[in-house]
Amino acid sequence: MQQSPNPYPQFQPQQWQQPPMSPQQQWNPQQQWNPQQPPFPPQQYQQTLPVTTNTRKRDNGDAICWLLLLWPVGLYMMWKYATWSLATKIVITSLCAVFVMIWLLHIYG
């Protein structure tokens, strides 16, 4: 069965070629394995990781804004990202629960 010609010549599959290897990377059958010497130069596989600060904690202002604009998102942001004490988080969550109960009683009461 013959293949039909490609109607999109600009999307021809390209032949993958392995990048050239340096002399240190090429395999030499006469070279014996030495556990004291790594197979590649150390700078090639050792990476230094950048020092990062704690990016998961956000501003407490974000949680306050979300608490005022959309309280479910604000509660999530407060518990996940705010740096407040546990007692403060419990008090704010309790206040939100009381307001929701009052609102539900007003609607369905």
PDB file of N, CA and C in Angstrom:
ATOM      1  N   MET A   1       0.837  -1.177   0.000  1.00  0.00           N
ATOM      2  CA  MET A   1       0.000   0.000   0.000  1.00  0.00           C
ATOM      3  C   MET A   1       0.879   1.236   0.000  1.00  0.00           C
ATOM      4  N   GLN A   2       0.641   2.112  -0.927  1.00  0.00           N
ATOM      5  CA  GLN A   2       1.455   3.311  -1.059  1.00  0.00           C
ATOM      6  C   GLN A   2       0.907   4.435  -0.196  1.00  0.00           C
ATOM      7  N   GLN A   3       1.841   5.211   0.363  1.00  0.00           N
ATOM      8  CA  GLN A   3       1.424   6.375   1.133  1.00  0.00           C
ATOM      9  C   GLN A   3       1.116   7.519   0.198  1.00  0.00           C
ATOM     10  N   SER A   4       0.097   8.275   0.552  1.00  0.00           N
ATOM     11  CA  SER A   4      -0.226   9.442  -0.255  1.00  0.00           C
ATOM     12  C   SER A   4       0.759  10.549   0.082  1.00  0.00           C
ATOM     13  N   PRO A   5       1.033  11.427  -0.873  1.00  0.00           N
ATOM     14  CA  PRO A   5       1.977  12.518  -0.585  1.00  0.00           C
ATOM     15  C   PRO A   5       1.412  13.432   0.500  1.00  0.00           C
ATOM     16  N   ASN A   6       2.324  14.003   1.241  1.00  0.00           N
ATOM     17  CA  ASN A   6       1.946  14.881   2.338  1.00  0.00           C
ATOM     18  C   ASN A   6       1.380  16.183   1.762  1.00  0.00           C
ATOM     19  N   PRO A   7       0.103  16.533   2.105  1.00  0.00           N
ATOM     20  CA  PRO A   7      -0.461  17.774   1.563  1.00  0.00           C
ATOM     21  C   PRO A   7       0.112  19.023   2.239  1.00  0.00           C
ATOM     22  N   TYR A   8       0.831  18.830   3.327  1.00  0.00           N
ATOM     23  CA  TYR A   8       1.422  19.962   4.042  1.00  0.00           C
ATOM     24  C   TYR A   8       2.941  19.796   4.073  1.00  0.00           C
ATOM     25  N   PRO A   9       3.626  20.229   3.041  1.00  0.00           N
ATOM     26  CA  PRO A   9       5.082  19.988   2.995  1.00  0.00           C
ATOM     27  C   PRO A   9       5.848  20.752   4.065  1.00  0.00           C
ATOM     28  N   GLN A  10       5.302  21.843   4.581  1.00  0.00           N
ATOM     29  CA  GLN A  10       6.019  22.590   5.617  1.00  0.00           C
ATOM     30  C   GLN A  10       6.039  21.825   6.926  1.00  0.00           C
ATOM     31  N   PHE A  11       5.212  20.786   7.074  1.00  0.00           N
ATOM     32  CA  PHE A  11       5.157  19.997   8.293  1.00  0.00           C
ATOM     33  C   PHE A  11       5.758  18.611   8.095  1.00  0.00           C
ATOM     34  N   GLN A  12       6.802  18.530   7.318  1.00  0.00           N
ATOM     35  CA  GLN A  12       7.465  17.249   7.107  1.00  0.00           C
ATOM     36  C   GLN A  12       8.128  16.804   8.394  1.00  0.00           C
ATOM     37  N   PRO A  13       8.003  15.533   8.749  1.00  0.00           N
ATOM     38  CA  PRO A  13       8.705  15.084   9.958  1.00  0.00           C
ATOM     39  C   PRO A  13      10.211  15.159   9.752  1.00  0.00           C
ATOM     40  N   GLN A  14      10.888  15.683  10.736  1.00  0.00           N
ATOM     41  CA  GLN A  14      12.336  15.822  10.632  1.00  0.00           C
ATOM     42  C   GLN A  14      13.012  14.608  11.258  1.00  0.00           C
ATOM     43  N   GLN A  15      14.086  14.238  10.657  1.00  0.00           N
ATOM     44  CA  GLN A  15      14.848  13.109  11.165  1.00  0.00           C
ATOM     45  C   GLN A  15      15.593  13.555  12.430  1.00  0.00           C
ATOM     46  N   TRP A  16      15.421  12.799  13.504  1.00  0.00           N
ATOM     47  CA  TRP A  16      16.088  13.151  14.749  1.00  0.00           C
ATOM     48  C   TRP A  16      17.540  12.724  14.681  1.00  0.00           C
ATOM     49  N   GLN A  17      18.423  13.612  15.072  1.00  0.00           N
ATOM     50  CA  GLN A  17      19.846  13.297  15.105  1.00  0.00           C
ATOM     51  C   GLN A  17      20.354  13.530  16.514  1.00  0.00           C
ATOM     52  N   GLN A  18      21.154  12.595  16.954  1.00  0.00           N
ATOM     53  CA  GLN A  18      21.739  12.727  18.284  1.00  0.00           C
ATOM     54  C   GLN A  18      22.791  13.824  18.257  1.00  0.00           C
ATOM     55  N   PRO A  19      22.804  14.689  19.265  1.00  0.00           N
ATOM     56  CA  PRO A  19      23.827  15.737  19.287  1.00  0.00           C
ATOM     57  C   PRO A  19      25.219  15.127  19.418  1.00  0.00           C
ATOM     58  N   PRO A  20      26.206  15.799  18.882  1.00  0.00           N
ATOM     59  CA  PRO A  20      27.566  15.255  18.979  1.00  0.00           C
ATOM     60  C   PRO A  20      28.022  15.179  20.429  1.00  0.00           C
ATOM     61  N   MET A  21      28.789  14.163  20.710  1.00  0.00           N
ATOM     62  CA  MET A  21      29.277  13.945  22.071  1.00  0.00           C
ATOM     63  C   MET A  21      30.710  14.437  22.197  1.00  0.00           C
ATOM     64  N   SER A  22      31.013  14.939  23.363  1.00  0.00           N
ATOM     65  CA  SER A  22      32.376  15.373  23.623  1.00  0.00           C
ATOM     66  C   SER A  22      33.253  14.129  23.829  1.00  0.00           C
ATOM     67  N   PRO A  23      34.569  14.265  23.747  1.00  0.00           N
ATOM     68  CA  PRO A  23      35.438  13.096  23.946  1.00  0.00           C
ATOM     69  C   PRO A  23      35.301  12.480  25.336  1.00  0.00           C
ATOM     70  N   GLN A  24      34.938  13.273  26.346  1.00  0.00           N
ATOM     71  CA  GLN A  24      34.772  12.706  27.675  1.00  0.00           C
ATOM     72  C   GLN A  24      33.524  11.835  27.752  1.00  0.00           C
ATOM     73  N   GLN A  25      32.548  12.118  26.896  1.00  0.00           N
ATOM     74  CA  GLN A  25      31.299  11.375  26.946  1.00  0.00           C
ATOM     75  C   GLN A  25      31.319  10.107  26.094  1.00  0.00           C
ATOM     76  N   GLN A  26      32.220  10.035  25.150  1.00  0.00           N
ATOM     77  CA  GLN A  26      32.248   8.876  24.262  1.00  0.00           C
ATOM     78  C   GLN A  26      32.735   7.647  25.015  1.00  0.00           C
ATOM     79  N   TRP A  27      32.136   6.545  24.691  1.00  0.00           N
ATOM     80  CA  TRP A  27      32.459   5.304  25.362  1.00  0.00           C
ATOM     81  C   TRP A  27      33.748   4.728  24.785  1.00  0.00           C
ATOM     82  N   ASN A  28      34.615   4.329  25.657  1.00  0.00           N
ATOM     83  CA  ASN A  28      35.876   3.735  25.244  1.00  0.00           C
ATOM     84  C   ASN A  28      35.930   2.334  25.842  1.00  0.00           C
ATOM     85  N   PRO A  29      35.925   1.281  25.026  1.00  0.00           N
ATOM     86  CA  PRO A  29      35.908  -0.078  25.586  1.00  0.00           C
ATOM     87  C   PRO A  29      37.183  -0.437  26.354  1.00  0.00           C
ATOM     88  N   GLN A  30      38.304   0.224  26.063  1.00  0.00           N
ATOM     89  CA  GLN A  30      39.536  -0.091  26.762  1.00  0.00           C
ATOM     90  C   GLN A  30      39.594   0.565  28.143  1.00  0.00           C
ATOM     91  N   GLN A  31      38.786   1.566  28.352  1.00  0.00           N
ATOM     92  CA  GLN A  31      38.829   2.285  29.622  1.00  0.00           C
ATOM     93  C   GLN A  31      38.095   1.469  30.689  1.00  0.00           C
ATOM     94  N   GLN A  32      38.762   1.252  31.780  1.00  0.00           N
ATOM     95  CA  GLN A  32      38.164   0.506  32.877  1.00  0.00           C
ATOM     96  C   GLN A  32      37.335   1.454  33.734  1.00  0.00           C
ATOM     97  N   TRP A  33      36.297   0.898  34.340  1.00  0.00           N
ATOM     98  CA  TRP A  33      35.448   1.711  35.193  1.00  0.00           C
ATOM     99  C   TRP A  33      36.151   1.955  36.511  1.00  0.00           C
ATOM    100  N   ASN A  34      36.186   3.207  36.906  1.00  0.00           N
ATOM    101  CA  ASN A  34      36.821   3.591  38.154  1.00  0.00           C
ATOM    102  C   ASN A  34      35.771   4.245  39.043  1.00  0.00           C
ATOM    103  N   PRO A  35      35.432   3.628  40.180  1.00  0.00           N
ATOM    104  CA  PRO A  35      34.388   4.231  41.020  1.00  0.00           C
ATOM    105  C   PRO A  35      34.795   5.565  41.636  1.00  0.00           C
ATOM    106  N   GLN A  36      36.097   5.846  41.684  1.00  0.00           N
ATOM    107  CA  GLN A  36      36.548   7.117  42.250  1.00  0.00           C
ATOM    108  C   GLN A  36      36.381   8.266  41.276  1.00  0.00           C
ATOM    109  N   GLN A  37      36.337   7.966  39.983  1.00  0.00           N
ATOM    110  CA  GLN A  37      36.242   9.004  38.967  1.00  0.00           C
ATOM    111  C   GLN A  37      34.869   8.901  38.298  1.00  0.00           C
ATOM    112  N   PRO A  38      34.072   9.965  38.320  1.00  0.00           N
ATOM    113  CA  PRO A  38      32.762   9.887  37.678  1.00  0.00           C
ATOM    114  C   PRO A  38      32.905   9.766  36.164  1.00  0.00           C
ATOM    115  N   PRO A  39      31.908   9.200  35.496  1.00  0.00           N
ATOM    116  CA  PRO A  39      32.011   9.005  34.058  1.00  0.00           C
ATOM    117  C   PRO A  39      31.995  10.309  33.278  1.00  0.00           C
ATOM    118  N   PHE A  40      31.413  11.367  33.843  1.00  0.00           N
ATOM    119  CA  PHE A  40      31.389  12.657  33.172  1.00  0.00           C
ATOM    120  C   PHE A  40      32.018  13.683  34.092  1.00  0.00           C
ATOM    121  N   PRO A  41      32.468  14.774  33.542  1.00  0.00           N
ATOM    122  CA  PRO A  41      33.033  15.816  34.411  1.00  0.00           C
ATOM    123  C   PRO A  41      31.989  16.276  35.426  1.00  0.00           C
ATOM    124  N   PRO A  42      32.370  16.511  36.668  1.00  0.00           N
ATOM    125  CA  PRO A  42      31.395  16.855  37.711  1.00  0.00           C
ATOM    126  C   PRO A  42      30.563  18.090  37.402  1.00  0.00           C
ATOM    127  N   GLN A  43      31.122  19.087  36.748  1.00  0.00           N
ATOM    128  CA  GLN A  43      30.360  20.299  36.486  1.00  0.00           C
ATOM    129  C   GLN A  43      29.223  20.038  35.506  1.00  0.00           C
ATOM    130  N   GLN A  44      29.255  18.922  34.828  1.00  0.00           N
ATOM    131  CA  GLN A  44      28.223  18.637  33.843  1.00  0.00           C
ATOM    132  C   GLN A  44      26.928  18.162  34.498  1.00  0.00           C
ATOM    133  N   TYR A  45      26.999  17.485  35.616  1.00  0.00           N
ATOM    134  CA  TYR A  45      25.773  16.983  36.216  1.00  0.00           C
ATOM    135  C   TYR A  45      25.505  17.545  37.600  1.00  0.00           C
ATOM    136  N   GLN A  46      26.367  18.384  38.099  1.00  0.00           N
ATOM    137  CA  GLN A  46      26.094  19.027  39.380  1.00  0.00           C
ATOM    138  C   GLN A  46      25.498  20.400  39.115  1.00  0.00           C
ATOM    139  N   GLN A  47      24.327  20.632  39.683  1.00  0.00           N
ATOM    140  CA  GLN A  47      23.678  21.921  39.521  1.00  0.00           C
ATOM    141  C   GLN A  47      23.478  22.537  40.895  1.00  0.00           C
ATOM    142  N   THR A  48      23.670  23.815  40.951  1.00  0.00           N
ATOM    143  CA  THR A  48      23.393  24.499  42.202  1.00  0.00           C
ATOM    144  C   THR A  48      21.987  25.054  42.113  1.00  0.00           C
ATOM    145  N   LEU A  49      21.178  24.768  43.109  1.00  0.00           N
ATOM    146  CA  LEU A  49      19.819  25.258  43.123  1.00  0.00           C
ATOM    147  C   LEU A  49      19.788  26.667  43.686  1.00  0.00           C
ATOM    148  N   PRO A  50      18.988  27.536  43.089  1.00  0.00           N
ATOM    149  CA  PRO A  50      18.935  28.904  43.616  1.00  0.00           C
ATOM    150  C   PRO A  50      18.264  28.933  44.977  1.00  0.00           C
ATOM    151  N   VAL A  51      18.720  29.846  45.784  1.00  0.00           N
ATOM    152  CA  VAL A  51      18.136  30.012  47.111  1.00  0.00           C
ATOM    153  C   VAL A  51      16.813  30.746  46.942  1.00  0.00           C
ATOM    154  N   THR A  52      15.747  30.128  47.432  1.00  0.00           N
ATOM    155  CA  THR A  52      14.439  30.746  47.291  1.00  0.00           C
ATOM    156  C   THR A  52      13.881  31.062  48.669  1.00  0.00           C
ATOM    157  N   THR A  53      13.090  32.085  48.694  1.00  0.00           N
ATOM    158  CA  THR A  53      12.394  32.410  49.931  1.00  0.00           C
ATOM    159  C   THR A  53      11.075  31.654  49.931  1.00  0.00           C
ATOM    160  N   ASN A  54      10.355  31.730  51.012  1.00  0.00           N
ATOM    161  CA  ASN A  54       9.079  31.036  51.113  1.00  0.00           C
ATOM    162  C   ASN A  54       8.067  31.754  50.240  1.00  0.00           C
ATOM    163  N   THR A  55       7.828  31.247  49.031  1.00  0.00           N
ATOM    164  CA  THR A  55       6.912  31.895  48.108  1.00  0.00           C
ATOM    165  C   THR A  55       5.481  31.447  48.308  1.00  0.00           C
ATOM    166  N   ARG A  56       5.249  30.435  49.156  1.00  0.00           N
ATOM    167  CA  ARG A  56       3.897  29.954  49.377  1.00  0.00           C
ATOM    168  C   ARG A  56       3.098  30.879  50.289  1.00  0.00           C
ATOM    169  N   LYS A  57       3.755  31.580  51.182  1.00  0.00           N
ATOM    170  CA  LYS A  57       3.053  32.504  52.062  1.00  0.00           C
ATOM    171  C   LYS A  57       2.831  33.822  51.326  1.00  0.00           C
ATOM    172  N   ARG A  58       1.610  34.257  51.295  1.00  0.00           N
ATOM    173  CA  ARG A  58       1.303  35.506  50.624  1.00  0.00           C
ATOM    174  C   ARG A  58       1.068  36.595  51.657  1.00  0.00           C
ATOM    175  N   ASP A  59       0.725  37.730  51.150  1.00  0.00           N
ATOM    176  CA  ASP A  59       0.380  38.838  52.022  1.00  0.00           C
ATOM    177  C   ASP A  59      -0.877  38.505  52.810  1.00  0.00           C
ATOM    178  N   ASN A  60      -0.946  38.967  54.038  1.00  0.00           N
ATOM    179  CA  ASN A  60      -2.177  38.833  54.795  1.00  0.00           C
ATOM    180  C   ASN A  60      -3.262  39.703  54.188  1.00  0.00           C
ATOM    181  N   GLY A  61      -2.863  40.737  53.464  1.00  0.00           N
ATOM    182  CA  GLY A  61      -3.828  41.617  52.810  1.00  0.00           C
ATOM    183  C   GLY A  61      -4.640  40.894  51.755  1.00  0.00           C
ATOM    184  N   ASP A  62      -4.046  39.932  51.073  1.00  0.00           N
ATOM    185  CA  ASP A  62      -4.792  39.142  50.090  1.00  0.00           C
ATOM    186  C   ASP A  62      -5.943  38.411  50.765  1.00  0.00           C
ATOM    187  N   ALA A  63      -5.674  37.797  51.894  1.00  0.00           N
ATOM    188  CA  ALA A  63      -6.720  37.064  52.610  1.00  0.00           C
ATOM    189  C   ALA A  63      -7.803  38.014  53.099  1.00  0.00           C
ATOM    190  N   ILE A  64      -7.411  39.183  53.581  1.00  0.00           N
ATOM    191  CA  ILE A  64      -8.405  40.156  54.064  1.00  0.00           C
ATOM    192  C   ILE A  64      -9.297  40.611  52.917  1.00  0.00           C
ATOM    193  N   CYS A  65      -8.697  40.924  51.773  1.00  0.00           N
ATOM    194  CA  CYS A  65      -9.491  41.359  50.614  1.00  0.00           C
ATOM    195  C   CYS A  65     -10.469  40.277  50.184  1.00  0.00           C
ATOM    196  N   TRP A  66      -9.989  39.046  50.107  1.00  0.00           N
ATOM    197  CA  TRP A  66     -10.879  37.962  49.697  1.00  0.00           C
ATOM    198  C   TRP A  66     -11.933  37.671  50.751  1.00  0.00           C
ATOM    199  N   LEU A  67     -11.610  37.840  52.019  1.00  0.00           N
ATOM    200  CA  LEU A  67     -12.626  37.662  53.059  1.00  0.00           C
ATOM    201  C   LEU A  67     -13.752  38.678  52.899  1.00  0.00           C
ATOM    202  N   LEU A  68     -13.430  39.902  52.512  1.00  0.00           N
ATOM    203  CA  LEU A  68     -14.443  40.937  52.339  1.00  0.00           C
ATOM    204  C   LEU A  68     -15.204  40.784  51.025  1.00  0.00           C
ATOM    205  N   LEU A  69     -14.513  40.352  49.959  1.00  0.00           N
ATOM    206  CA  LEU A  69     -15.164  40.260  48.643  1.00  0.00           C
ATOM    207  C   LEU A  69     -15.925  38.956  48.451  1.00  0.00           C
ATOM    208  N   LEU A  70     -15.312  37.858  48.774  1.00  0.00           N
ATOM    209  CA  LEU A  70     -15.911  36.542  48.540  1.00  0.00           C
ATOM    210  C   LEU A  70     -15.427  35.634  49.658  1.00  0.00           C
ATOM    211  N   TRP A  71     -16.244  35.475  50.674  1.00  0.00           N
ATOM    212  CA  TRP A  71     -15.791  34.863  51.917  1.00  0.00           C
ATOM    213  C   TRP A  71     -15.308  33.418  51.784  1.00  0.00           C
ATOM    214  N   PRO A  72     -15.890  32.553  50.905  1.00  0.00           N
ATOM    215  CA  PRO A  72     -15.327  31.192  50.845  1.00  0.00           C
ATOM    216  C   PRO A  72     -13.874  31.179  50.340  1.00  0.00           C
ATOM    217  N   VAL A  73     -13.610  32.013  49.352  1.00  0.00           N
ATOM    218  CA  VAL A  73     -12.232  32.108  48.846  1.00  0.00           C
ATOM    219  C   VAL A  73     -11.333  32.723  49.908  1.00  0.00           C
ATOM    220  N   GLY A  74     -11.874  33.705  50.629  1.00  0.00           N
ATOM    221  CA  GLY A  74     -11.096  34.342  51.686  1.00  0.00           C
ATOM    222  C   GLY A  74     -10.734  33.384  52.811  1.00  0.00           C
ATOM    223  N   LEU A  75     -11.694  32.506  53.165  1.00  0.00           N
ATOM    224  CA  LEU A  75     -11.377  31.506  54.197  1.00  0.00           C
ATOM    225  C   LEU A  75     -10.288  30.556  53.732  1.00  0.00           C
ATOM    226  N   TYR A  76     -10.387  30.133  52.482  1.00  0.00           N
ATOM    227  CA  TYR A  76      -9.339  29.249  51.943  1.00  0.00           C
ATOM    228  C   TYR A  76      -7.987  29.949  51.950  1.00  0.00           C
ATOM    229  N   MET A  77      -7.965  31.190  51.446  1.00  0.00           N
ATOM    230  CA  MET A  77      -6.699  31.932  51.399  1.00  0.00           C
ATOM    231  C   MET A  77      -6.147  32.160  52.805  1.00  0.00           C
ATOM    232  N   MET A  78      -7.053  32.424  53.769  1.00  0.00           N
ATOM    233  CA  MET A  78      -6.604  32.654  55.132  1.00  0.00           C
ATOM    234  C   MET A  78      -5.952  31.398  55.697  1.00  0.00           C
ATOM    235  N   TRP A  79      -6.600  30.237  55.528  1.00  0.00           N
ATOM    236  CA  TRP A  79      -6.049  29.001  56.107  1.00  0.00           C
ATOM    237  C   TRP A  79      -4.812  28.532  55.356  1.00  0.00           C
ATOM    238  N   LYS A  80      -4.739  28.802  54.074  1.00  0.00           N
ATOM    239  CA  LYS A  80      -3.618  28.292  53.272  1.00  0.00           C
ATOM    240  C   LYS A  80      -2.397  29.211  53.329  1.00  0.00           C
ATOM    241  N   TYR A  81      -2.614  30.528  53.253  1.00  0.00           N
ATOM    242  CA  TYR A  81      -1.478  31.426  53.038  1.00  0.00           C
ATOM    243  C   TYR A  81      -1.220  32.442  54.151  1.00  0.00           C
ATOM    244  N   ALA A  82      -2.206  32.796  54.934  1.00  0.00           N
ATOM    245  CA  ALA A  82      -2.012  33.866  55.925  1.00  0.00           C
ATOM    246  C   ALA A  82      -1.094  33.389  57.050  1.00  0.00           C
ATOM    247  N   THR A  83      -0.388  34.330  57.612  1.00  0.00           N
ATOM    248  CA  THR A  83       0.579  34.014  58.675  1.00  0.00           C
ATOM    249  C   THR A  83       0.013  34.313  60.052  1.00  0.00           C
ATOM    250  N   TRP A  84      -1.306  34.279  60.191  1.00  0.00           N
ATOM    251  CA  TRP A  84      -1.944  34.559  61.470  1.00  0.00           C
ATOM    252  C   TRP A  84      -1.853  33.350  62.384  1.00  0.00           C
ATOM    253  N   SER A  85      -2.131  33.582  63.651  1.00  0.00           N
ATOM    254  CA  SER A  85      -2.109  32.481  64.620  1.00  0.00           C
ATOM    255  C   SER A  85      -3.339  31.594  64.419  1.00  0.00           C
ATOM    256  N   LEU A  86      -3.280  30.412  64.979  1.00  0.00           N
ATOM    257  CA  LEU A  86      -4.384  29.465  64.864  1.00  0.00           C
ATOM    258  C   LEU A  86      -5.648  30.015  65.521  1.00  0.00           C
ATOM    259  N   ALA A  87      -5.501  30.684  66.656  1.00  0.00           N
ATOM    260  CA  ALA A  87      -6.660  31.244  67.350  1.00  0.00           C
ATOM    261  C   ALA A  87      -7.360  32.299  66.485  1.00  0.00           C
ATOM    262  N   THR A  88      -6.594  33.147  65.809  1.00  0.00           N
ATOM    263  CA  THR A  88      -7.180  34.170  64.943  1.00  0.00           C
ATOM    264  C   THR A  88      -7.944  33.529  63.795  1.00  0.00           C
ATOM    265  N   LYS A  89      -7.374  32.501  63.211  1.00  0.00           N
ATOM    266  CA  LYS A  89      -8.046  31.820  62.097  1.00  0.00           C
ATOM    267  C   LYS A  89      -9.345  31.163  62.567  1.00  0.00           C
ATOM    268  N   ILE A  90      -9.344  30.581  63.753  1.00  0.00           N
ATOM    269  CA  ILE A  90     -10.553  29.934  64.279  1.00  0.00           C
ATOM    270  C   ILE A  90     -11.631  30.966  64.569  1.00  0.00           C
ATOM    271  N   VAL A  91     -11.258  32.103  65.127  1.00  0.00           N
ATOM    272  CA  VAL A  91     -12.235  33.157  65.432  1.00  0.00           C
ATOM    273  C   VAL A  91     -12.866  33.679  64.141  1.00  0.00           C
ATOM    274  N   ILE A  92     -12.059  33.943  63.119  1.00  0.00           N
ATOM    275  CA  ILE A  92     -12.589  34.474  61.855  1.00  0.00           C
ATOM    276  C   ILE A  92     -13.485  33.439  61.185  1.00  0.00           C
ATOM    277  N   THR A  93     -13.082  32.176  61.195  1.00  0.00           N
ATOM    278  CA  THR A  93     -13.909  31.128  60.616  1.00  0.00           C
ATOM    279  C   THR A  93     -15.231  31.003  61.369  1.00  0.00           C
ATOM    280  N   SER A  94     -15.199  31.101  62.686  1.00  0.00           N
ATOM    281  CA  SER A  94     -16.429  31.031  63.487  1.00  0.00           C
ATOM    282  C   SER A  94     -17.346  32.203  63.181  1.00  0.00           C
ATOM    283  N   LEU A  95     -16.787  33.392  63.044  1.00  0.00           N
ATOM    284  CA  LEU A  95     -17.604  34.558  62.700  1.00  0.00           C
ATOM    285  C   LEU A  95     -18.279  34.382  61.340  1.00  0.00           C
ATOM    286  N   CYS A  96     -17.531  33.857  60.380  1.00  0.00           N
ATOM    287  CA  CYS A  96     -18.127  33.601  59.058  1.00  0.00           C
ATOM    288  C   CYS A  96     -19.255  32.584  59.173  1.00  0.00           C
ATOM    289  N   ALA A  97     -19.075  31.547  59.980  1.00  0.00           N
ATOM    290  CA  ALA A  97     -20.120  30.534  60.159  1.00  0.00           C
ATOM    291  C   ALA A  97     -21.355  31.140  60.817  1.00  0.00           C
ATOM    292  N   VAL A  98     -21.177  32.023  61.802  1.00  0.00           N
ATOM    293  CA  VAL A  98     -22.307  32.673  62.463  1.00  0.00           C
ATOM    294  C   VAL A  98     -23.062  33.559  61.473  1.00  0.00           C
ATOM    295  N   PHE A  99     -22.332  34.307  60.665  1.00  0.00           N
ATOM    296  CA  PHE A  99     -22.991  35.166  59.670  1.00  0.00           C
ATOM    297  C   PHE A  99     -23.764  34.331  58.653  1.00  0.00           C
ATOM    298  N   VAL A 100     -23.234  33.209  58.248  1.00  0.00           N
ATOM    299  CA  VAL A 100     -23.943  32.343  57.301  1.00  0.00           C
ATOM    300  C   VAL A 100     -25.208  31.785  57.940  1.00  0.00           C
ATOM    301  N   MET A 101     -25.130  31.387  59.195  1.00  0.00           N
ATOM    302  CA  MET A 101     -26.325  30.870  59.875  1.00  0.00           C
ATOM    303  C   MET A 101     -27.387  31.961  60.014  1.00  0.00           C
ATOM    304  N   ILE A 102     -27.001  33.173  60.366  1.00  0.00           N
ATOM    305  CA  ILE A 102     -27.952  34.281  60.469  1.00  0.00           C
ATOM    306  C   ILE A 102     -28.586  34.550  59.103  1.00  0.00           C
ATOM    307  N   TRP A 103     -27.781  34.533  58.074  1.00  0.00           N
ATOM    308  CA  TRP A 103     -28.287  34.778  56.719  1.00  0.00           C
ATOM    309  C   TRP A 103     -29.273  33.694  56.307  1.00  0.00           C
ATOM    310  N   LEU A 104     -28.949  32.419  56.596  1.00  0.00           N
ATOM    311  CA  LEU A 104     -29.857  31.328  56.246  1.00  0.00           C
ATOM    312  C   LEU A 104     -31.150  31.408  57.045  1.00  0.00           C
ATOM    313  N   LEU A 105     -31.085  31.769  58.332  1.00  0.00           N
ATOM    314  CA  LEU A 105     -32.291  31.930  59.136  1.00  0.00           C
ATOM    315  C   LEU A 105     -33.159  33.075  58.622  1.00  0.00           C
ATOM    316  N   HIS A 106     -32.524  34.119  58.146  1.00  0.00           N
ATOM    317  CA  HIS A 106     -33.259  35.258  57.596  1.00  0.00           C
ATOM    318  C   HIS A 106     -33.986  34.865  56.307  1.00  0.00           C
ATOM    319  N   ILE A 107     -33.339  34.054  55.468  1.00  0.00           N
ATOM    320  CA  ILE A 107     -33.942  33.650  54.199  1.00  0.00           C
ATOM    321  C   ILE A 107     -35.044  32.612  54.431  1.00  0.00           C
ATOM    322  N   TYR A 108     -34.736  31.570  55.193  1.00  0.00           N
ATOM    323  CA  TYR A 108     -35.661  30.446  55.340  1.00  0.00           C
ATOM    324  C   TYR A 108     -36.455  30.490  56.645  1.00  0.00           C
ATOM    325  N   GLY A 109     -36.233  31.469  57.471  1.00  0.00           N
ATOM    326  CA  GLY A 109     -36.868  31.507  58.797  1.00  0.00           C
ATOM    327  C   GLY A 109     -38.211  32.067  58.715  1.00  0.00           C
TER     328      GLY A 109
END
